[in-house]
Amino acid sequence: MKLHPVYRITVFVPPAHLEALKAGILSVDPLAAGGYAAGMWESAPGREQFRVLDGTASASGRSGELVREPSVRLEFCIPRDPGRLQHLLTQGIAAHHPWNTPAVFVDSTEFASP
């Protein structure tokens, strides 16, 4: 097997917004690699929590309130290209996510293929 350097992008999203977010991501990048496109992984809904701080215009909850909501973990990989990554973060995720500050994590890792 050969190892390919990639960014693994993980984003958490409310289940009701999952399909819109996926469509937004794919509208700016086909996520093509290894003879396939639109490669994404999603995990069954879990739950996440946060407390809204004073001065925040939150999409969910009020100032001081502890909010607990269902959330889906969505992951996908792209080759390690900083420009492509930045484009996906701003135009694919931030532009199509319902939250002011989406929970997004980026890891540098390797993908194994034959």
PDB file of N, CA and C in Angstrom:
ATOM      1  N   MET A   1       0.846  -1.190   0.000  1.00  0.00           N
ATOM      2  CA  MET A   1       0.000   0.000   0.000  1.00  0.00           C
ATOM      3  C   MET A   1       0.880   1.239   0.000  1.00  0.00           C
ATOM      4  N   LYS A   2       0.353   2.278  -0.606  1.00  0.00           N
ATOM      5  CA  LYS A   2       1.057   3.552  -0.684  1.00  0.00           C
ATOM      6  C   LYS A   2       0.359   4.560   0.223  1.00  0.00           C
ATOM      7  N   LEU A   3       1.136   5.396   0.885  1.00  0.00           N
ATOM      8  CA  LEU A   3       0.571   6.435   1.758  1.00  0.00           C
ATOM      9  C   LEU A   3       0.548   7.775   1.024  1.00  0.00           C
ATOM     10  N   HIS A   4      -0.581   8.474   1.138  1.00  0.00           N
ATOM     11  CA  HIS A   4      -0.770   9.774   0.505  1.00  0.00           C
ATOM     12  C   HIS A   4      -1.033  10.810   1.590  1.00  0.00           C
ATOM     13  N   PRO A   5      -0.277  11.918   1.625  1.00  0.00           N
ATOM     14  CA  PRO A   5      -0.519  12.956   2.630  1.00  0.00           C
ATOM     15  C   PRO A   5      -1.838  13.682   2.354  1.00  0.00           C
ATOM     16  N   VAL A   6      -2.681  13.759   3.375  1.00  0.00           N
ATOM     17  CA  VAL A   6      -3.993  14.396   3.238  1.00  0.00           C
ATOM     18  C   VAL A   6      -4.307  15.238   4.468  1.00  0.00           C
ATOM     19  N   TYR A   7      -5.271  16.138   4.287  1.00  0.00           N
ATOM     20  CA  TYR A   7      -5.926  16.790   5.413  1.00  0.00           C
ATOM     21  C   TYR A   7      -7.212  16.013   5.667  1.00  0.00           C
ATOM     22  N   ARG A   8      -7.477  15.670   6.915  1.00  0.00           N
ATOM     23  CA  ARG A   8      -8.762  15.089   7.306  1.00  0.00           C
ATOM     24  C   ARG A   8      -9.540  16.199   8.001  1.00  0.00           C
ATOM     25  N   ILE A   9     -10.665  16.557   7.436  1.00  0.00           N
ATOM     26  CA  ILE A   9     -11.487  17.643   7.953  1.00  0.00           C
ATOM     27  C   ILE A   9     -12.705  17.039   8.630  1.00  0.00           C
ATOM     28  N   THR A  10     -12.925  17.433   9.874  1.00  0.00           N
ATOM     29  CA  THR A  10     -14.065  16.959  10.656  1.00  0.00           C
ATOM     30  C   THR A  10     -14.893  18.173  11.045  1.00  0.00           C
ATOM     31  N   VAL A  11     -16.191  18.083  10.827  1.00  0.00           N
ATOM     32  CA  VAL A  11     -17.091  19.177  11.188  1.00  0.00           C
ATOM     33  C   VAL A  11     -18.338  18.581  11.840  1.00  0.00           C
ATOM     34  N   PHE A  12     -18.830  19.241  12.860  1.00  0.00           N
ATOM     35  CA  PHE A  12     -20.043  18.826  13.560  1.00  0.00           C
ATOM     36  C   PHE A  12     -21.191  19.727  13.106  1.00  0.00           C
ATOM     37  N   VAL A  13     -22.348  19.119  12.852  1.00  0.00           N
ATOM     38  CA  VAL A  13     -23.481  19.865  12.303  1.00  0.00           C
ATOM     39  C   VAL A  13     -24.791  19.275  12.830  1.00  0.00           C
ATOM     40  N   PRO A  14     -25.805  20.111  13.075  1.00  0.00           N
ATOM     41  CA  PRO A  14     -27.106  19.566  13.463  1.00  0.00           C
ATOM     42  C   PRO A  14     -27.652  18.665  12.342  1.00  0.00           C
ATOM     43  N   PRO A  15     -28.296  17.554  12.689  1.00  0.00           N
ATOM     44  CA  PRO A  15     -28.794  16.621  11.676  1.00  0.00           C
ATOM     45  C   PRO A  15     -29.667  17.268  10.608  1.00  0.00           C
ATOM     46  N   ALA A  16     -30.483  18.243  10.981  1.00  0.00           N
ATOM     47  CA  ALA A  16     -31.379  18.887  10.016  1.00  0.00           C
ATOM     48  C   ALA A  16     -30.616  19.675   8.948  1.00  0.00           C
ATOM     49  N   HIS A  17     -29.349  20.003   9.193  1.00  0.00           N
ATOM     50  CA  HIS A  17     -28.545  20.799   8.263  1.00  0.00           C
ATOM     51  C   HIS A  17     -27.474  19.980   7.552  1.00  0.00           C
ATOM     52  N   LEU A  18     -27.421  18.677   7.828  1.00  0.00           N
ATOM     53  CA  LEU A  18     -26.361  17.824   7.274  1.00  0.00           C
ATOM     54  C   LEU A  18     -26.352  17.835   5.741  1.00  0.00           C
ATOM     55  N   GLU A  19     -27.464  17.577   5.118  1.00  0.00           N
ATOM     56  CA  GLU A  19     -27.492  17.471   3.649  1.00  0.00           C
ATOM     57  C   GLU A  19     -27.155  18.804   2.985  1.00  0.00           C
ATOM     58  N   ALA A  20     -27.613  19.907   3.547  1.00  0.00           N
ATOM     59  CA  ALA A  20     -27.291  21.225   2.986  1.00  0.00           C
ATOM     60  C   ALA A  20     -25.801  21.511   3.105  1.00  0.00           C
ATOM     61  N   LEU A  21     -25.197  21.136   4.224  1.00  0.00           N
ATOM     62  CA  LEU A  21     -23.762  21.343   4.395  1.00  0.00           C
ATOM     63  C   LEU A  21     -22.978  20.486   3.405  1.00  0.00           C
ATOM     64  N   LYS A  22     -23.362  19.216   3.262  1.00  0.00           N
ATOM     65  CA  LYS A  22     -22.684  18.344   2.308  1.00  0.00           C
ATOM     66  C   LYS A  22     -22.775  18.916   0.887  1.00  0.00           C
ATOM     67  N   ALA A  23     -23.963  19.387   0.509  1.00  0.00           N
ATOM     68  CA  ALA A  23     -24.133  19.978  -0.818  1.00  0.00           C
ATOM     69  C   ALA A  23     -23.268  21.230  -0.984  1.00  0.00           C
ATOM     70  N   GLY A  24     -23.175  22.038   0.073  1.00  0.00           N
ATOM     71  CA  GLY A  24     -22.339  23.235   0.022  1.00  0.00           C
ATOM     72  C   GLY A  24     -20.871  22.905  -0.150  1.00  0.00           C
ATOM     73  N   ILE A  25     -20.403  21.901   0.564  1.00  0.00           N
ATOM     74  CA  ILE A  25     -19.010  21.468   0.437  1.00  0.00           C
ATOM     75  C   ILE A  25     -18.750  20.976  -0.982  1.00  0.00           C
ATOM     76  N   LEU A  26     -19.636  20.122  -1.489  1.00  0.00           N
ATOM     77  CA  LEU A  26     -19.441  19.554  -2.823  1.00  0.00           C
ATOM     78  C   LEU A  26     -19.637  20.583  -3.932  1.00  0.00           C
ATOM     79  N   SER A  27     -20.297  21.699  -3.635  1.00  0.00           N
ATOM     80  CA  SER A  27     -20.449  22.754  -4.644  1.00  0.00           C
ATOM     81  C   SER A  27     -19.136  23.490  -4.895  1.00  0.00           C
ATOM     82  N   VAL A  28     -18.202  23.431  -3.942  1.00  0.00           N
ATOM     83  CA  VAL A  28     -16.917  24.120  -4.129  1.00  0.00           C
ATOM     84  C   VAL A  28     -15.752  23.162  -4.359  1.00  0.00           C
ATOM     85  N   ASP A  29     -15.950  21.866  -4.079  1.00  0.00           N
ATOM     86  CA  ASP A  29     -14.888  20.878  -4.290  1.00  0.00           C
ATOM     87  C   ASP A  29     -15.533  19.505  -4.466  1.00  0.00           C
ATOM     88  N   PRO A  30     -15.179  18.783  -5.522  1.00  0.00           N
ATOM     89  CA  PRO A  30     -15.803  17.479  -5.744  1.00  0.00           C
ATOM     90  C   PRO A  30     -15.272  16.376  -4.824  1.00  0.00           C
ATOM     91  N   LEU A  31     -14.253  16.676  -4.014  1.00  0.00           N
ATOM     92  CA  LEU A  31     -13.631  15.686  -3.128  1.00  0.00           C
ATOM     93  C   LEU A  31     -13.238  14.432  -3.910  1.00  0.00           C
ATOM     94  N   ALA A  32     -12.636  14.649  -5.082  1.00  0.00           N
ATOM     95  CA  ALA A  32     -12.231  13.546  -5.952  1.00  0.00           C
ATOM     96  C   ALA A  32     -10.852  13.031  -5.552  1.00  0.00           C
ATOM     97  N   ALA A  33     -10.748  11.694  -5.467  1.00  0.00           N
ATOM     98  CA  ALA A  33      -9.471  11.039  -5.171  1.00  0.00           C
ATOM     99  C   ALA A  33      -9.598   9.556  -5.489  1.00  0.00           C
ATOM    100  N   GLY A  34      -8.560   9.004  -6.096  1.00  0.00           N
ATOM    101  CA  GLY A  34      -8.502   7.561  -6.302  1.00  0.00           C
ATOM    102  C   GLY A  34      -9.637   6.972  -7.114  1.00  0.00           C
ATOM    103  N   GLY A  35     -10.131   7.673  -8.110  1.00  0.00           N
ATOM    104  CA  GLY A  35     -11.198   7.141  -8.941  1.00  0.00           C
ATOM    105  C   GLY A  35     -12.596   7.328  -8.380  1.00  0.00           C
ATOM    106  N   TYR A  36     -12.734   8.065  -7.289  1.00  0.00           N
ATOM    107  CA  TYR A  36     -14.038   8.314  -6.666  1.00  0.00           C
ATOM    108  C   TYR A  36     -14.188   9.801  -6.401  1.00  0.00           C
ATOM    109  N   ALA A  37     -15.418  10.230  -6.216  1.00  0.00           N
ATOM    110  CA  ALA A  37     -15.695  11.618  -5.840  1.00  0.00           C
ATOM    111  C   ALA A  37     -16.748  11.612  -4.736  1.00  0.00           C
ATOM    112  N   ALA A  38     -16.902  12.756  -4.085  1.00  0.00           N
ATOM    113  CA  ALA A  38     -17.902  12.962  -3.030  1.00  0.00           C
ATOM    114  C   ALA A  38     -17.705  12.014  -1.850  1.00  0.00           C
ATOM    115  N   GLY A  39     -16.464  11.667  -1.559  1.00  0.00           N
ATOM    116  CA  GLY A  39     -16.177  10.762  -0.441  1.00  0.00           C
ATOM    117  C   GLY A  39     -16.298  11.468   0.901  1.00  0.00           C
ATOM    118  N   MET A  40     -17.279  11.036   1.689  1.00  0.00           N
ATOM    119  CA  MET A  40     -17.510  11.604   3.020  1.00  0.00           C
ATOM    120  C   MET A  40     -17.930  10.486   3.958  1.00  0.00           C
ATOM    121  N   TRP A  41     -17.689  10.688   5.242  1.00  0.00           N
ATOM    122  CA  TRP A  41     -18.132   9.762   6.287  1.00  0.00           C
ATOM    123  C   TRP A  41     -18.981  10.554   7.262  1.00  0.00           C
ATOM    124  N   GLU A  42     -20.073   9.984   7.676  1.00  0.00           N
ATOM    125  CA  GLU A  42     -20.896  10.642   8.684  1.00  0.00           C
ATOM    126  C   GLU A  42     -21.213   9.652   9.786  1.00  0.00           C
ATOM    127  N   SER A  43     -21.216  10.147  10.996  1.00  0.00           N
ATOM    128  CA  SER A  43     -21.509   9.329  12.163  1.00  0.00           C
ATOM    129  C   SER A  43     -22.908   9.637  12.655  1.00  0.00           C
ATOM    130  N   ALA A  44     -23.541   8.629  13.246  1.00  0.00           N
ATOM    131  CA  ALA A  44     -24.895   8.783  13.786  1.00  0.00           C
ATOM    132  C   ALA A  44     -24.928   9.960  14.755  1.00  0.00           C
ATOM    133  N   PRO A  45     -26.090  10.581  14.894  1.00  0.00           N
ATOM    134  CA  PRO A  45     -26.167  11.727  15.792  1.00  0.00           C
ATOM    135  C   PRO A  45     -25.690  11.412  17.211  1.00  0.00           C
ATOM    136  N   GLY A  46     -24.896  12.319  17.710  1.00  0.00           N
ATOM    137  CA  GLY A  46     -24.496  12.326  19.109  1.00  0.00           C
ATOM    138  C   GLY A  46     -25.101  13.581  19.710  1.00  0.00           C
ATOM    139  N   ARG A  47     -24.452  14.099  20.724  1.00  0.00           N
ATOM    140  CA  ARG A  47     -24.942  15.321  21.347  1.00  0.00           C
ATOM    141  C   ARG A  47     -23.767  16.201  21.662  1.00  0.00           C
ATOM    142  N   GLU A  48     -23.939  17.469  21.468  1.00  0.00           N
ATOM    143  CA  GLU A  48     -22.901  18.401  21.874  1.00  0.00           C
ATOM    144  C   GLU A  48     -23.499  19.491  22.721  1.00  0.00           C
ATOM    145  N   GLN A  49     -22.656  20.145  23.482  1.00  0.00           N
ATOM    146  CA  GLN A  49     -23.158  21.196  24.365  1.00  0.00           C
ATOM    147  C   GLN A  49     -22.234  22.392  24.321  1.00  0.00           C
ATOM    148  N   PHE A  50     -22.805  23.551  24.667  1.00  0.00           N
ATOM    149  CA  PHE A  50     -22.046  24.794  24.761  1.00  0.00           C
ATOM    150  C   PHE A  50     -22.870  25.784  25.580  1.00  0.00           C
ATOM    151  N   ARG A  51     -22.170  26.740  26.169  1.00  0.00           N
ATOM    152  CA  ARG A  51     -22.837  27.827  26.896  1.00  0.00           C
ATOM    153  C   ARG A  51     -22.623  29.099  26.077  1.00  0.00           C
ATOM    154  N   VAL A  52     -23.707  29.794  25.800  1.00  0.00           N
ATOM    155  CA  VAL A  52     -23.648  31.024  25.026  1.00  0.00           C
ATOM    156  C   VAL A  52     -23.094  32.135  25.912  1.00  0.00           C
ATOM    157  N   LEU A  53     -22.046  32.800  25.456  1.00  0.00           N
ATOM    158  CA  LEU A  53     -21.433  33.885  26.215  1.00  0.00           C
ATOM    159  C   LEU A  53     -22.119  35.208  25.910  1.00  0.00           C
ATOM    160  N   ASP A  54     -22.045  36.138  26.881  1.00  0.00           N
ATOM    161  CA  ASP A  54     -22.617  37.471  26.706  1.00  0.00           C
ATOM    162  C   ASP A  54     -22.065  38.111  25.434  1.00  0.00           C
ATOM    163  N   GLY A  55     -22.938  38.775  24.694  1.00  0.00           N
ATOM    164  CA  GLY A  55     -22.517  39.475  23.487  1.00  0.00           C
ATOM    165  C   GLY A  55     -22.501  38.618  22.238  1.00  0.00           C
ATOM    166  N   THR A  56     -22.827  37.334  22.372  1.00  0.00           N
ATOM    167  CA  THR A  56     -22.842  36.443  21.215  1.00  0.00           C
ATOM    168  C   THR A  56     -24.252  36.349  20.657  1.00  0.00           C
ATOM    169  N   ALA A  57     -24.372  36.593  19.360  1.00  0.00           N
ATOM    170  CA  ALA A  57     -25.662  36.423  18.671  1.00  0.00           C
ATOM    171  C   ALA A  57     -25.704  34.978  18.193  1.00  0.00           C
ATOM    172  N   SER A  58     -26.069  34.088  19.081  1.00  0.00           N
ATOM    173  CA  SER A  58     -26.034  32.658  18.804  1.00  0.00           C
ATOM    174  C   SER A  58     -27.209  32.209  17.952  1.00  0.00           C
ATOM    175  N   ALA A  59     -26.945  31.244  17.060  1.00  0.00           N
ATOM    176  CA  ALA A  59     -28.007  30.656  16.250  1.00  0.00           C
ATOM    177  C   ALA A  59     -28.902  29.762  17.104  1.00  0.00           C
ATOM    178  N   SER A  60     -28.411  29.389  18.278  1.00  0.00           N
ATOM    179  CA  SER A  60     -29.174  28.518  19.170  1.00  0.00           C
ATOM    180  C   SER A  60     -28.850  28.882  20.614  1.00  0.00           C
ATOM    181  N   GLY A  61     -29.847  29.122  21.415  1.00  0.00           N
ATOM    182  CA  GLY A  61     -29.639  29.442  22.827  1.00  0.00           C
ATOM    183  C   GLY A  61     -29.495  30.931  23.082  1.00  0.00           C
ATOM    184  N   ARG A  62     -29.628  31.284  24.368  1.00  0.00           N
ATOM    185  CA  ARG A  62     -29.515  32.666  24.813  1.00  0.00           C
ATOM    186  C   ARG A  62     -28.305  32.823  25.722  1.00  0.00           C
ATOM    187  N   SER A  63     -27.909  34.038  25.952  1.00  0.00           N
ATOM    188  CA  SER A  63     -26.765  34.348  26.797  1.00  0.00           C
ATOM    189  C   SER A  63     -26.867  33.643  28.149  1.00  0.00           C
ATOM    190  N   GLY A  64     -25.817  32.951  28.530  1.00  0.00           N
ATOM    191  CA  GLY A  64     -25.751  32.255  29.806  1.00  0.00           C
ATOM    192  C   GLY A  64     -26.355  30.869  29.797  1.00  0.00           C
ATOM    193  N   GLU A  65     -27.105  30.531  28.771  1.00  0.00           N
ATOM    194  CA  GLU A  65     -27.800  29.249  28.705  1.00  0.00           C
ATOM    195  C   GLU A  65     -26.863  28.127  28.259  1.00  0.00           C
ATOM    196  N   LEU A  66     -26.973  26.988  28.927  1.00  0.00           N
ATOM    197  CA  LEU A  66     -26.251  25.783  28.506  1.00  0.00           C
ATOM    198  C   LEU A  66     -27.138  25.058  27.506  1.00  0.00           C
ATOM    199  N   VAL A  67     -26.649  24.928  26.281  1.00  0.00           N
ATOM    200  CA  VAL A  67     -27.413  24.332  25.195  1.00  0.00           C
ATOM    201  C   VAL A  67     -26.883  22.924  24.930  1.00  0.00           C
ATOM    202  N   ARG A  68     -27.790  21.974  24.795  1.00  0.00           N
ATOM    203  CA  ARG A  68     -27.435  20.597  24.419  1.00  0.00           C
ATOM    204  C   ARG A  68     -28.269  20.245  23.203  1.00  0.00           C
ATOM    205  N   GLU A  69     -27.602  19.892  22.107  1.00  0.00           N
ATOM    206  CA  GLU A  69     -28.308  19.609  20.862  1.00  0.00           C
ATOM    207  C   GLU A  69     -27.720  18.389  20.175  1.00  0.00           C
ATOM    208  N   PRO A  70     -28.533  17.693  19.362  1.00  0.00           N
ATOM    209  CA  PRO A  70     -27.999  16.594  18.561  1.00  0.00           C
ATOM    210  C   PRO A  70     -27.023  17.141  17.526  1.00  0.00           C
ATOM    211  N   SER A  71     -26.043  16.330  17.180  1.00  0.00           N
ATOM    212  CA  SER A  71     -25.016  16.742  16.238  1.00  0.00           C
ATOM    213  C   SER A  71     -24.495  15.521  15.490  1.00  0.00           C
ATOM    214  N   VAL A  72     -24.191  15.699  14.210  1.00  0.00           N
ATOM    215  CA  VAL A  72     -23.608  14.643  13.381  1.00  0.00           C
ATOM    216  C   VAL A  72     -22.159  15.014  13.097  1.00  0.00           C
ATOM    217  N   ARG A  73     -21.301  14.011  13.148  1.00  0.00           N
ATOM    218  CA  ARG A  73     -19.888  14.202  12.809  1.00  0.00           C
ATOM    219  C   ARG A  73     -19.719  13.870  11.327  1.00  0.00           C
ATOM    220  N   LEU A  74     -19.257  14.839  10.544  1.00  0.00           N
ATOM    221  CA  LEU A  74     -19.014  14.665   9.121  1.00  0.00           C
ATOM    222  C   LEU A  74     -17.517  14.794   8.877  1.00  0.00           C
ATOM    223  N   GLU A  75     -16.950  13.840   8.136  1.00  0.00           N
ATOM    224  CA  GLU A  75     -15.514  13.859   7.841  1.00  0.00           C
ATOM    225  C   GLU A  75     -15.275  13.642   6.364  1.00  0.00           C
ATOM    226  N   PHE A  76     -14.194  14.233   5.876  1.00  0.00           N
ATOM    227  CA  PHE A  76     -13.747  13.991   4.512  1.00  0.00           C
ATOM    228  C   PHE A  76     -12.265  14.335   4.426  1.00  0.00           C
ATOM    229  N   CYS A  77     -11.614  13.876   3.364  1.00  0.00           N
ATOM    230  CA  CYS A  77     -10.183  14.103   3.178  1.00  0.00           C
ATOM    231  C   CYS A  77      -9.927  14.769   1.837  1.00  0.00           C
ATOM    232  N   ILE A  78      -8.874  15.591   1.818  1.00  0.00           N
ATOM    233  CA  ILE A  78      -8.382  16.178   0.573  1.00  0.00           C
ATOM    234  C   ILE A  78      -6.858  16.096   0.597  1.00  0.00           C
ATOM    235  N   PRO A  79      -6.210  16.122  -0.572  1.00  0.00           N
ATOM    236  CA  PRO A  79      -4.757  16.186  -0.588  1.00  0.00           C
ATOM    237  C   PRO A  79      -4.283  17.425   0.179  1.00  0.00           C
ATOM    238  N   ARG A  80      -3.093  17.358   0.739  1.00  0.00           N
ATOM    239  CA  ARG A  80      -2.568  18.494   1.514  1.00  0.00           C
ATOM    240  C   ARG A  80      -2.215  19.651   0.592  1.00  0.00           C
ATOM    241  N   ASP A  81      -3.180  20.517   0.419  1.00  0.00           N
ATOM    242  CA  ASP A  81      -3.048  21.727  -0.397  1.00  0.00           C
ATOM    243  C   ASP A  81      -3.657  22.855   0.429  1.00  0.00           C
ATOM    244  N   PRO A  82      -2.827  23.729   1.021  1.00  0.00           N
ATOM    245  CA  PRO A  82      -3.362  24.780   1.902  1.00  0.00           C
ATOM    246  C   PRO A  82      -4.393  25.693   1.240  1.00  0.00           C
ATOM    247  N   GLY A  83      -4.220  26.016  -0.031  1.00  0.00           N
ATOM    248  CA  GLY A  83      -5.184  26.870  -0.727  1.00  0.00           C
ATOM    249  C   GLY A  83      -6.530  26.178  -0.884  1.00  0.00           C
ATOM    250  N   ARG A  84      -6.493  24.913  -1.246  1.00  0.00           N
ATOM    251  CA  ARG A  84      -7.727  24.134  -1.391  1.00  0.00           C
ATOM    252  C   ARG A  84      -8.424  24.005  -0.041  1.00  0.00           C
ATOM    253  N   LEU A  85      -7.637  23.782   1.009  1.00  0.00           N
ATOM    254  CA  LEU A  85      -8.193  23.684   2.358  1.00  0.00           C
ATOM    255  C   LEU A  85      -8.883  24.978   2.752  1.00  0.00           C
ATOM    256  N   GLN A  86      -8.225  26.103   2.564  1.00  0.00           N
ATOM    257  CA  GLN A  86      -8.810  27.391   2.950  1.00  0.00           C
ATOM    258  C   GLN A  86     -10.096  27.661   2.186  1.00  0.00           C
ATOM    259  N   HIS A  87     -10.112  27.333   0.905  1.00  0.00           N
ATOM    260  CA  HIS A  87     -11.316  27.517   0.089  1.00  0.00           C
ATOM    261  C   HIS A  87     -12.466  26.669   0.635  1.00  0.00           C
ATOM    262  N   LEU A  88     -12.187  25.422   0.981  1.00  0.00           N
ATOM    263  CA  LEU A  88     -13.215  24.546   1.553  1.00  0.00           C
ATOM    264  C   LEU A  88     -13.725  25.070   2.893  1.00  0.00           C
ATOM    265  N   LEU A  89     -12.823  25.559   3.725  1.00  0.00           N
ATOM    266  CA  LEU A  89     -13.222  26.063   5.039  1.00  0.00           C
ATOM    267  C   LEU A  89     -14.131  27.281   4.930  1.00  0.00           C
ATOM    268  N   THR A  90     -13.784  28.219   4.042  1.00  0.00           N
ATOM    269  CA  THR A  90     -14.560  29.458   3.958  1.00  0.00           C
ATOM    270  C   THR A  90     -15.791  29.326   3.058  1.00  0.00           C
ATOM    271  N   GLN A  91     -15.608  28.799   1.856  1.00  0.00           N
ATOM    272  CA  GLN A  91     -16.700  28.745   0.881  1.00  0.00           C
ATOM    273  C   GLN A  91     -17.564  27.498   1.005  1.00  0.00           C
ATOM    274  N   GLY A  92     -16.986  26.397   1.488  1.00  0.00           N
ATOM    275  CA  GLY A  92     -17.736  25.159   1.592  1.00  0.00           C
ATOM    276  C   GLY A  92     -18.396  24.953   2.937  1.00  0.00           C
ATOM    277  N   ILE A  93     -17.648  25.225   4.020  1.00  0.00           N
ATOM    278  CA  ILE A  93     -18.196  24.973   5.365  1.00  0.00           C
ATOM    279  C   ILE A  93     -18.808  26.231   5.973  1.00  0.00           C
ATOM    280  N   ALA A  94     -18.011  27.258   6.191  1.00  0.00           N
ATOM    281  CA  ALA A  94     -18.518  28.456   6.876  1.00  0.00           C
ATOM    282  C   ALA A  94     -19.713  29.072   6.150  1.00  0.00           C
ATOM    283  N   ALA A  95     -19.709  29.052   4.828  1.00  0.00           N
ATOM    284  CA  ALA A  95     -20.796  29.659   4.053  1.00  0.00           C
ATOM    285  C   ALA A  95     -22.088  28.845   4.088  1.00  0.00           C
ATOM    286  N   HIS A  96     -22.011  27.568   4.484  1.00  0.00           N
ATOM    287  CA  HIS A  96     -23.192  26.703   4.445  1.00  0.00           C
ATOM    288  C   HIS A  96     -23.559  26.085   5.790  1.00  0.00           C
ATOM    289  N   HIS A  97     -22.872  26.486   6.835  1.00  0.00           N
ATOM    290  CA  HIS A  97     -23.122  25.931   8.169  1.00  0.00           C
ATOM    291  C   HIS A  97     -24.048  26.867   8.933  1.00  0.00           C
ATOM    292  N   PRO A  98     -24.992  26.332   9.715  1.00  0.00           N
ATOM    293  CA  PRO A  98     -25.945  27.201  10.413  1.00  0.00           C
ATOM    294  C   PRO A  98     -25.365  27.943  11.621  1.00  0.00           C
ATOM    295  N   TRP A  99     -24.203  27.536  12.101  1.00  0.00           N
ATOM    296  CA  TRP A  99     -23.661  28.150  13.312  1.00  0.00           C
ATOM    297  C   TRP A  99     -22.734  29.307  12.982  1.00  0.00           C
ATOM    298  N   ASN A 100     -22.641  30.266  13.915  1.00  0.00           N
ATOM    299  CA  ASN A 100     -21.717  31.396  13.784  1.00  0.00           C
ATOM    300  C   ASN A 100     -20.272  30.898  13.731  1.00  0.00           C
ATOM    301  N   THR A 101     -19.945  29.963  14.605  1.00  0.00           N
ATOM    302  CA  THR A 101     -18.598  29.409  14.701  1.00  0.00           C
ATOM    303  C   THR A 101     -18.700  27.893  14.644  1.00  0.00           C
ATOM    304  N   PRO A 102     -18.662  27.318  13.442  1.00  0.00           N
ATOM    305  CA  PRO A 102     -18.769  25.860  13.331  1.00  0.00           C
ATOM    306  C   PRO A 102     -17.603  25.163  14.028  1.00  0.00           C
ATOM    307  N   ALA A 103     -17.884  23.996  14.589  1.00  0.00           N
ATOM    308  CA  ALA A 103     -16.827  23.178  15.198  1.00  0.00           C
ATOM    309  C   ALA A 103     -16.162  22.389  14.074  1.00  0.00           C
ATOM    310  N   VAL A 104     -14.985  22.861  13.645  1.00  0.00           N
ATOM    311  CA  VAL A 104     -14.245  22.259  12.534  1.00  0.00           C
ATOM    312  C   VAL A 104     -12.842  21.923  13.025  1.00  0.00           C
ATOM    313  N   PHE A 105     -12.390  20.715  12.696  1.00  0.00           N
ATOM    314  CA  PHE A 105     -11.055  20.270  13.079  1.00  0.00           C
ATOM    315  C   PHE A 105     -10.334  19.764  11.843  1.00  0.00           C
ATOM    316  N   VAL A 106      -9.050  20.121  11.701  1.00  0.00           N
ATOM    317  CA  VAL A 106      -8.257  19.698  10.562  1.00  0.00           C
ATOM    318  C   VAL A 106      -7.017  18.987  11.083  1.00  0.00           C
ATOM    319  N   ASP A 107      -6.838  17.753  10.600  1.00  0.00           N
ATOM    320  CA  ASP A 107      -5.661  16.957  10.954  1.00  0.00           C
ATOM    321  C   ASP A 107      -4.847  16.689   9.705  1.00  0.00           C
ATOM    322  N   SER A 108      -3.540  16.691   9.847  1.00  0.00           N
ATOM    323  CA  SER A 108      -2.663  16.226   8.773  1.00  0.00           C
ATOM    324  C   SER A 108      -2.386  14.766   9.043  1.00  0.00           C
ATOM    325  N   THR A 109      -2.707  13.927   8.073  1.00  0.00           N
ATOM    326  CA  THR A 109      -2.533  12.480   8.250  1.00  0.00           C
ATOM    327  C   THR A 109      -2.180  11.863   6.901  1.00  0.00           C
ATOM    328  N   GLU A 110      -2.234  10.567   6.826  1.00  0.00           N
ATOM    329  CA  GLU A 110      -1.956   9.873   5.571  1.00  0.00           C
ATOM    330  C   GLU A 110      -3.056   8.882   5.278  1.00  0.00           C
ATOM    331  N   PHE A 111      -3.381   8.758   3.996  1.00  0.00           N
ATOM    332  CA  PHE A 111      -4.398   7.835   3.513  1.00  0.00           C
ATOM    333  C   PHE A 111      -3.695   6.710   2.780  1.00  0.00           C
ATOM    334  N   ALA A 112      -4.025   5.473   3.127  1.00  0.00           N
ATOM    335  CA  ALA A 112      -3.377   4.321   2.498  1.00  0.00           C
ATOM    336  C   ALA A 112      -4.247   3.805   1.353  1.00  0.00           C
ATOM    337  N   SER A 113      -3.601   3.575   0.199  1.00  0.00           N
ATOM    338  CA  SER A 113      -4.322   2.990  -0.940  1.00  0.00           C
ATOM    339  C   SER A 113      -3.413   1.984  -1.639  1.00  0.00           C
ATOM    340  N   PRO A 114      -4.018   1.033  -2.343  1.00  0.00           N
ATOM    341  CA  PRO A 114      -3.206   0.012  -3.033  1.00  0.00           C
ATOM    342  C   PRO A 114      -2.370   0.604  -4.154  1.00  0.00           C
TER     343      PRO A 114
END
